[in-house]
């Protein structure tokens, strides 16, 4: 027959120490969550900025391609 494990019954000081540790962990969790939300908003704004700049880059690449592929007389008269 297996022996039952004794139930842990903390004293009042141990109970208060556990509560204090729990409060510390909860405050760290709240800080981590708020930091996470802030970083998510930063990532979203950077992604939007990246999309805008990638569109500009594509337009500029198209313009460069058009300038390189123009004919001789267009180059001579710089049209």
PDB file of N, CA and C in Angstrom:
ATOM      1  N   UNK A   1       0.835  -1.177   0.000  1.00  0.00           N
ATOM      2  CA  UNK A   1       0.000   0.000   0.000  1.00  0.00           C
ATOM      3  C   UNK A   1       0.882   1.243   0.000  1.00  0.00           C
ATOM      4  N   UNK A   2       0.521   2.188  -0.858  1.00  0.00           N
ATOM      5  CA  UNK A   2       1.320   3.395  -0.984  1.00  0.00           C
ATOM      6  C   UNK A   2       1.019   4.360   0.157  1.00  0.00           C
ATOM      7  N   UNK A   3       2.067   5.051   0.534  1.00  0.00           N
ATOM      8  CA  UNK A   3       1.875   6.055   1.580  1.00  0.00           C
ATOM      9  C   UNK A   3       1.392   7.344   0.943  1.00  0.00           C
ATOM     10  N   UNK A   4       0.471   7.981   1.592  1.00  0.00           N
ATOM     11  CA  UNK A   4      -0.034   9.249   1.102  1.00  0.00           C
ATOM     12  C   UNK A   4       0.987  10.335   1.419  1.00  0.00           C
ATOM     13  N   UNK A   5       1.150  11.234   0.454  1.00  0.00           N
ATOM     14  CA  UNK A   5       2.042  12.351   0.701  1.00  0.00           C
ATOM     15  C   UNK A   5       1.352  13.297   1.665  1.00  0.00           C
ATOM     16  N   UNK A   6       2.161  13.812   2.570  1.00  0.00           N
ATOM     17  CA  UNK A   6       1.589  14.741   3.530  1.00  0.00           C
ATOM     18  C   UNK A   6       1.294  16.060   2.841  1.00  0.00           C
ATOM     19  N   UNK A   7       0.198  16.636   3.227  1.00  0.00           N
ATOM     20  CA  UNK A   7      -0.204  17.906   2.663  1.00  0.00           C
ATOM     21  C   UNK A   7       0.681  19.011   3.213  1.00  0.00           C
ATOM     22  N   UNK A   8       1.112  19.908   2.322  1.00  0.00           N
ATOM     23  CA  UNK A   8       1.958  21.028   2.723  1.00  0.00           C
ATOM     24  C   UNK A   8       1.079  22.084   3.370  1.00  0.00           C
ATOM     25  N   UNK A   9       1.367  22.376   4.617  1.00  0.00           N
ATOM     26  CA  UNK A   9       0.612  23.393   5.340  1.00  0.00           C
ATOM     27  C   UNK A   9       1.590  24.469   5.791  1.00  0.00           C
ATOM     28  N   UNK A  10       1.652  25.561   5.043  1.00  0.00           N
ATOM     29  CA  UNK A  10       2.636  26.589   5.385  1.00  0.00           C
ATOM     30  C   UNK A  10       2.244  27.347   6.647  1.00  0.00           C
ATOM     31  N   UNK A  11       3.256  27.835   7.330  1.00  0.00           N
ATOM     32  CA  UNK A  11       2.995  28.687   8.477  1.00  0.00           C
ATOM     33  C   UNK A  11       2.583  30.061   7.943  1.00  0.00           C
ATOM     34  N   UNK A  12       2.205  30.940   8.848  1.00  0.00           N
ATOM     35  CA  UNK A  12       1.746  32.263   8.442  1.00  0.00           C
ATOM     36  C   UNK A  12       2.852  33.030   7.726  1.00  0.00           C
ATOM     37  N   UNK A  13       4.073  32.958   8.218  1.00  0.00           N
ATOM     38  CA  UNK A  13       5.181  33.676   7.567  1.00  0.00           C
ATOM     39  C   UNK A  13       5.488  33.066   6.198  1.00  0.00           C
ATOM     40  N   UNK A  14       5.424  31.750   6.090  1.00  0.00           N
ATOM     41  CA  UNK A  14       5.658  31.112   4.789  1.00  0.00           C
ATOM     42  C   UNK A  14       4.539  31.471   3.818  1.00  0.00           C
ATOM     43  N   UNK A  15       3.309  31.551   4.327  1.00  0.00           N
ATOM     44  CA  UNK A  15       2.171  31.925   3.499  1.00  0.00           C
ATOM     45  C   UNK A  15       2.348  33.344   2.979  1.00  0.00           C
ATOM     46  N   UNK A  16       2.767  34.252   3.844  1.00  0.00           N
ATOM     47  CA  UNK A  16       2.990  35.650   3.428  1.00  0.00           C
ATOM     48  C   UNK A  16       4.146  35.744   2.440  1.00  0.00           C
ATOM     49  N   UNK A  17       5.162  34.943   2.633  1.00  0.00           N
ATOM     50  CA  UNK A  17       6.283  34.941   1.694  1.00  0.00           C
ATOM     51  C   UNK A  17       5.820  34.448   0.321  1.00  0.00           C
ATOM     52  N   UNK A  18       4.980  33.424   0.304  1.00  0.00           N
ATOM     53  CA  UNK A  18       4.444  32.926  -0.963  1.00  0.00           C
ATOM     54  C   UNK A  18       3.569  33.978  -1.636  1.00  0.00           C
ATOM     55  N   UNK A  19       2.754  34.686  -0.843  1.00  0.00           N
ATOM     56  CA  UNK A  19       1.925  35.754  -1.402  1.00  0.00           C
ATOM     57  C   UNK A  19       2.798  36.864  -1.996  1.00  0.00           C
ATOM     58  N   UNK A  20       3.858  37.216  -1.287  1.00  0.00           N
ATOM     59  CA  UNK A  20       4.771  38.239  -1.776  1.00  0.00           C
ATOM     60  C   UNK A  20       5.424  37.805  -3.086  1.00  0.00           C
ATOM     61  N   UNK A  21       5.852  36.568  -3.128  1.00  0.00           N
ATOM     62  CA  UNK A  21       6.460  36.049  -4.354  1.00  0.00           C
ATOM     63  C   UNK A  21       5.453  36.042  -5.493  1.00  0.00           C
ATOM     64  N   UNK A  22       4.215  35.684  -5.199  1.00  0.00           N
ATOM     65  CA  UNK A  22       3.161  35.685  -6.205  1.00  0.00           C
ATOM     66  C   UNK A  22       2.929  37.091  -6.744  1.00  0.00           C
ATOM     67  N   UNK A  23       2.896  38.101  -5.854  1.00  0.00           N
ATOM     68  CA  UNK A  23       2.719  39.491  -6.293  1.00  0.00           C
ATOM     69  C   UNK A  23       3.869  39.927  -7.191  1.00  0.00           C
ATOM     70  N   UNK A  24       5.095  39.526  -6.836  1.00  0.00           N
ATOM     71  CA  UNK A  24       6.251  39.884  -7.663  1.00  0.00           C
ATOM     72  C   UNK A  24       6.154  39.269  -9.050  1.00  0.00           C
ATOM     73  N   UNK A  25       5.742  38.009  -9.091  1.00  0.00           N
ATOM     74  CA  UNK A  25       5.613  37.330 -10.381  1.00  0.00           C
ATOM     75  C   UNK A  25       4.504  37.967 -11.203  1.00  0.00           C
ATOM     76  N   UNK A  26       3.394  38.322 -10.564  1.00  0.00           N
ATOM     77  CA  UNK A  26       2.294  38.955 -11.284  1.00  0.00           C
ATOM     78  C   UNK A  26       2.703  40.321 -11.832  1.00  0.00           C
ATOM     79  N   UNK A  27       3.461  41.092 -11.057  1.00  0.00           N
ATOM     80  CA  UNK A  27       3.894  42.399 -11.552  1.00  0.00           C
ATOM     81  C   UNK A  27       4.858  42.236 -12.726  1.00  0.00           C
ATOM     82  N   UNK A  28       5.732  41.234 -12.667  1.00  0.00           N
ATOM     83  CA  UNK A  28       6.629  40.979 -13.789  1.00  0.00           C
ATOM     84  C   UNK A  28       5.843  40.557 -15.022  1.00  0.00           C
ATOM     85  N   UNK A  29       4.800  39.764 -14.827  1.00  0.00           N
ATOM     86  CA  UNK A  29       3.957  39.327 -15.933  1.00  0.00           C
ATOM     87  C   UNK A  29       3.247  40.523 -16.568  1.00  0.00           C
ATOM     88  N   UNK A  30       2.702  41.415 -15.748  1.00  0.00           N
ATOM     89  CA  UNK A  30       2.038  42.602 -16.268  1.00  0.00           C
ATOM     90  C   UNK A  30       3.018  43.471 -17.057  1.00  0.00           C
ATOM     91  N   UNK A  31       4.224  43.612 -16.547  1.00  0.00           N
ATOM     92  CA  UNK A  31       5.241  44.394 -17.246  1.00  0.00           C
ATOM     93  C   UNK A  31       5.578  43.751 -18.587  1.00  0.00           C
ATOM     94  N   UNK A  32       5.728  42.439 -18.592  1.00  0.00           N
ATOM     95  CA  UNK A  32       6.036  41.728 -19.835  1.00  0.00           C
ATOM     96  C   UNK A  32       4.900  41.874 -20.842  1.00  0.00           C
ATOM     97  N   UNK A  33       3.665  41.794 -20.383  1.00  0.00           N
ATOM     98  CA  UNK A  33       2.519  41.930 -21.280  1.00  0.00           C
ATOM     99  C   UNK A  33       2.442  43.330 -21.866  1.00  0.00           C
ATOM    100  N   UNK A  34       2.674  44.348 -21.044  1.00  0.00           N
ATOM    101  CA  UNK A  34       2.624  45.720 -21.567  1.00  0.00           C
ATOM    102  C   UNK A  34       3.762  45.958 -22.558  1.00  0.00           C
ATOM    103  N   UNK A  35       4.927  45.401 -22.273  1.00  0.00           N
ATOM    104  CA  UNK A  35       6.053  45.524 -23.199  1.00  0.00           C
ATOM    105  C   UNK A  35       5.730  44.811 -24.507  1.00  0.00           C
ATOM    106  N   UNK A  36       5.107  43.658 -24.404  1.00  0.00           N
ATOM    107  CA  UNK A  36       4.729  42.891 -25.584  1.00  0.00           C
ATOM    108  C   UNK A  36       3.758  43.680 -26.454  1.00  0.00           C
ATOM    109  N   UNK A  37       2.762  44.323 -25.840  1.00  0.00           N
ATOM    110  CA  UNK A  37       1.797  45.120 -26.596  1.00  0.00           C
ATOM    111  C   UNK A  37       2.493  46.287 -27.291  1.00  0.00           C
ATOM    112  N   UNK A  38       3.412  46.939 -26.577  1.00  0.00           N
ATOM    113  CA  UNK A  38       4.141  48.059 -27.167  1.00  0.00           C
ATOM    114  C   UNK A  38       4.968  47.598 -28.354  1.00  0.00           C
ATOM    115  N   UNK A  39       5.651  46.466 -28.212  1.00  0.00           N
ATOM    116  CA  UNK A  39       6.475  45.951 -29.306  1.00  0.00           C
ATOM    117  C   UNK A  39       5.622  45.524 -30.495  1.00  0.00           C
ATOM    118  N   UNK A  40       4.436  44.977 -30.232  1.00  0.00           N
ATOM    119  CA  UNK A  40       3.537  44.608 -31.326  1.00  0.00           C
ATOM    120  C   UNK A  40       3.110  45.837 -32.111  1.00  0.00           C
ATOM    121  N   UNK A  41       2.812  46.934 -31.402  1.00  0.00           N
ATOM    122  CA  UNK A  41       2.427  48.159 -32.099  1.00  0.00           C
ATOM    123  C   UNK A  41       3.598  48.706 -32.905  1.00  0.00           C
ATOM    124  N   UNK A  42       4.813  48.596 -32.379  1.00  0.00           N
ATOM    125  CA  UNK A  42       6.001  49.031 -33.124  1.00  0.00           C
ATOM    126  C   UNK A  42       6.194  48.191 -34.374  1.00  0.00           C
ATOM    127  N   UNK A  43       5.991  46.898 -34.262  1.00  0.00           N
ATOM    128  CA  UNK A  43       6.150  46.008 -35.412  1.00  0.00           C
ATOM    129  C   UNK A  43       5.119  46.345 -36.486  1.00  0.00           C
ATOM    130  N   UNK A  44       3.879  46.595 -36.082  1.00  0.00           N
ATOM    131  CA  UNK A  44       2.838  46.941 -37.052  1.00  0.00           C
ATOM    132  C   UNK A  44       3.187  48.218 -37.787  1.00  0.00           C
ATOM    133  N   UNK A  45       3.642  49.233 -37.060  1.00  0.00           N
ATOM    134  CA  UNK A  45       3.974  50.500 -37.714  1.00  0.00           C
ATOM    135  C   UNK A  45       5.163  50.324 -38.657  1.00  0.00           C
ATOM    136  N   UNK A  46       6.145  49.513 -38.261  1.00  0.00           N
ATOM    137  CA  UNK A  46       7.297  49.266 -39.137  1.00  0.00           C
ATOM    138  C   UNK A  46       6.902  48.481 -40.380  1.00  0.00           C
ATOM    139  N   UNK A  47       5.973  47.542 -40.234  1.00  0.00           N
ATOM    140  CA  UNK A  47       5.511  46.789 -41.397  1.00  0.00           C
ATOM    141  C   UNK A  47       4.778  47.694 -42.376  1.00  0.00           C
ATOM    142  N   UNK A  48       3.952  48.613 -41.856  1.00  0.00           N
ATOM    143  CA  UNK A  48       3.253  49.557 -42.727  1.00  0.00           C
ATOM    144  C   UNK A  48       4.253  50.451 -43.451  1.00  0.00           C
ATOM    145  N   UNK A  49       5.256  50.924 -42.731  1.00  0.00           N
ATOM    146  CA  UNK A  49       6.289  51.760 -43.334  1.00  0.00           C
ATOM    147  C   UNK A  49       7.057  50.979 -44.405  1.00  0.00           C
ATOM    148  N   UNK A  50       7.324  49.718 -44.130  1.00  0.00           N
ATOM    149  CA  UNK A  50       8.026  48.863 -45.095  1.00  0.00           C
ATOM    150  C   UNK A  50       7.210  48.708 -46.372  1.00  0.00           C
ATOM    151  N   UNK A  51       5.893  48.506 -46.246  1.00  0.00           N
ATOM    152  CA  UNK A  51       5.037  48.354 -47.411  1.00  0.00           C
ATOM    153  C   UNK A  51       5.054  49.615 -48.267  1.00  0.00           C
ATOM    154  N   UNK A  52       4.972  50.770 -47.633  1.00  0.00           N
ATOM    155  CA  UNK A  52       4.987  52.031 -48.367  1.00  0.00           C
ATOM    156  C   UNK A  52       6.309  52.199 -49.101  1.00  0.00           C
ATOM    157  N   UNK A  53       7.394  51.932 -48.417  1.00  0.00           N
ATOM    158  CA  UNK A  53       8.709  52.109 -49.035  1.00  0.00           C
ATOM    159  C   UNK A  53       8.960  51.075 -50.134  1.00  0.00           C
ATOM    160  N   UNK A  54       8.439  49.869 -49.983  1.00  0.00           N
ATOM    161  CA  UNK A  54       8.614  48.871 -51.038  1.00  0.00           C
ATOM    162  C   UNK A  54       7.848  49.282 -52.298  1.00  0.00           C
ATOM    163  N   UNK A  55       6.679  49.917 -52.143  1.00  0.00           N
ATOM    164  CA  UNK A  55       5.936  50.414 -53.299  1.00  0.00           C
ATOM    165  C   UNK A  55       6.724  51.522 -54.002  1.00  0.00           C
ATOM    166  N   UNK A  56       7.336  52.396 -53.234  1.00  0.00           N
ATOM    167  CA  UNK A  56       8.147  53.467 -53.817  1.00  0.00           C
ATOM    168  C   UNK A  56       9.329  52.874 -54.571  1.00  0.00           C
ATOM    169  N   UNK A  57       9.967  51.867 -53.983  1.00  0.00           N
ATOM    170  CA  UNK A  57      11.108  51.216 -54.628  1.00  0.00           C
ATOM    171  C   UNK A  57      10.693  50.584 -55.956  1.00  0.00           C
ATOM    172  N   UNK A  58       9.538  49.921 -55.973  1.00  0.00           N
ATOM    173  CA  UNK A  58       9.057  49.302 -57.213  1.00  0.00           C
ATOM    174  C   UNK A  58       8.796  50.349 -58.282  1.00  0.00           C
ATOM    175  N   UNK A  59       8.204  51.491 -57.902  1.00  0.00           N
ATOM    176  CA  UNK A  59       7.962  52.563 -58.863  1.00  0.00           C
ATOM    177  C   UNK A  59       9.274  53.105 -59.414  1.00  0.00           C
ATOM    178  N   UNK A  60      10.265  53.283 -58.565  1.00  0.00           N
ATOM    179  CA  UNK A  60      11.556  53.787 -59.009  1.00  0.00           C
ATOM    180  C   UNK A  60      12.263  52.783 -59.922  1.00  0.00           C
ATOM    181  N   UNK A  61      12.160  51.506 -59.607  1.00  0.00           N
ATOM    182  CA  UNK A  61      12.751  50.484 -60.477  1.00  0.00           C
ATOM    183  C   UNK A  61      12.101  50.502 -61.853  1.00  0.00           C
ATOM    184  N   UNK A  62      10.776  50.686 -61.880  1.00  0.00           N
ATOM    185  CA  UNK A  62      10.066  50.763 -63.155  1.00  0.00           C
ATOM    186  C   UNK A  62      10.552  51.969 -63.946  1.00  0.00           C
ATOM    187  N   UNK A  63      10.694  53.112 -63.292  1.00  0.00           N
ATOM    188  CA  UNK A  63      11.177  54.319 -63.975  1.00  0.00           C
ATOM    189  C   UNK A  63      12.582  54.105 -64.531  1.00  0.00           C
ATOM    190  N   UNK A  64      13.453  53.476 -63.766  1.00  0.00           N
ATOM    191  CA  UNK A  64      14.816  53.209 -64.236  1.00  0.00           C
ATOM    192  C   UNK A  64      14.786  52.296 -65.448  1.00  0.00           C
ATOM    193  N   UNK A  65      13.940  51.277 -65.403  1.00  0.00           N
ATOM    194  CA  UNK A  65      13.830  50.357 -66.535  1.00  0.00           C
ATOM    195  C   UNK A  65      13.345  51.088 -67.770  1.00  0.00           C
ATOM    196  N   UNK A  66      12.365  51.952 -67.618  1.00  0.00           N
ATOM    197  CA  UNK A  66      11.847  52.717 -68.757  1.00  0.00           C
ATOM    198  C   UNK A  66      12.921  53.630 -69.330  1.00  0.00           C
ATOM    199  N   UNK A  67      13.722  54.267 -68.479  1.00  0.00           N
ATOM    200  CA  UNK A  67      14.786  55.133 -68.966  1.00  0.00           C
ATOM    201  C   UNK A  67      15.863  54.348 -69.697  1.00  0.00           C
ATOM    202  N   UNK A  68      16.185  53.172 -69.228  1.00  0.00           N
ATOM    203  CA  UNK A  68      17.218  52.363 -69.875  1.00  0.00           C
ATOM    204  C   UNK A  68      16.755  51.796 -71.213  1.00  0.00           C
ATOM    205  N   UNK A  69      15.464  51.552 -71.364  1.00  0.00           N
ATOM    206  CA  UNK A  69      14.946  50.907 -72.561  1.00  0.00           C
ATOM    207  C   UNK A  69      14.449  51.876 -73.621  1.00  0.00           C
ATOM    208  N   UNK A  70      14.594  53.163 -73.415  1.00  0.00           N
ATOM    209  CA  UNK A  70      14.120  54.117 -74.424  1.00  0.00           C
ATOM    210  C   UNK A  70      15.054  54.103 -75.635  1.00  0.00           C
ATOM    211  N   UNK A  71      14.530  54.570 -76.713  1.00  0.00           N
ATOM    212  CA  UNK A  71      15.267  54.511 -77.971  1.00  0.00           C
ATOM    213  C   UNK A  71      16.402  55.528 -78.058  1.00  0.00           C
ATOM    214  N   UNK A  72      17.122  55.442 -79.186  1.00  0.00           N
ATOM    215  CA  UNK A  72      18.287  56.301 -79.400  1.00  0.00           C
ATOM    216  C   UNK A  72      17.902  57.769 -79.423  1.00  0.00           C
ATOM    217  N   UNK A  73      16.874  58.129 -80.221  1.00  0.00           N
ATOM    218  CA  UNK A  73      16.504  59.546 -80.359  1.00  0.00           C
ATOM    219  C   UNK A  73      15.916  60.090 -79.064  1.00  0.00           C
ATOM    220  N   UNK A  74      15.250  59.245 -78.301  1.00  0.00           N
ATOM    221  CA  UNK A  74      14.731  59.691 -77.015  1.00  0.00           C
ATOM    222  C   UNK A  74      15.892  60.009 -76.071  1.00  0.00           C
ATOM    223  N   UNK A  75      16.951  59.244 -76.182  1.00  0.00           N
ATOM    224  CA  UNK A  75      18.123  59.529 -75.368  1.00  0.00           C
ATOM    225  C   UNK A  75      18.829  60.797 -75.842  1.00  0.00           C
ATOM    226  N   UNK A  76      18.884  60.957 -77.145  1.00  0.00           N
ATOM    227  CA  UNK A  76      19.562  62.146 -77.684  1.00  0.00           C
ATOM    228  C   UNK A  76      18.832  63.407 -77.248  1.00  0.00           C
ATOM    229  N   UNK A  77      17.533  63.414 -77.392  1.00  0.00           N
ATOM    230  CA  UNK A  77      16.751  64.589 -77.040  1.00  0.00           C
ATOM    231  C   UNK A  77      16.276  64.573 -75.586  1.00  0.00           C
ATOM    232  N   UNK A  78      16.698  63.562 -74.835  1.00  0.00           N
ATOM    233  CA  UNK A  78      16.405  63.426 -73.407  1.00  0.00           C
ATOM    234  C   UNK A  78      14.909  63.533 -73.108  1.00  0.00           C
ATOM    235  N   UNK A  79      14.163  62.712 -73.802  1.00  0.00           N
ATOM    236  CA  UNK A  79      12.723  62.688 -73.576  1.00  0.00           C
ATOM    237  C   UNK A  79      12.351  61.616 -72.611  1.00  0.00           C
TER     238      UNK A  79
END
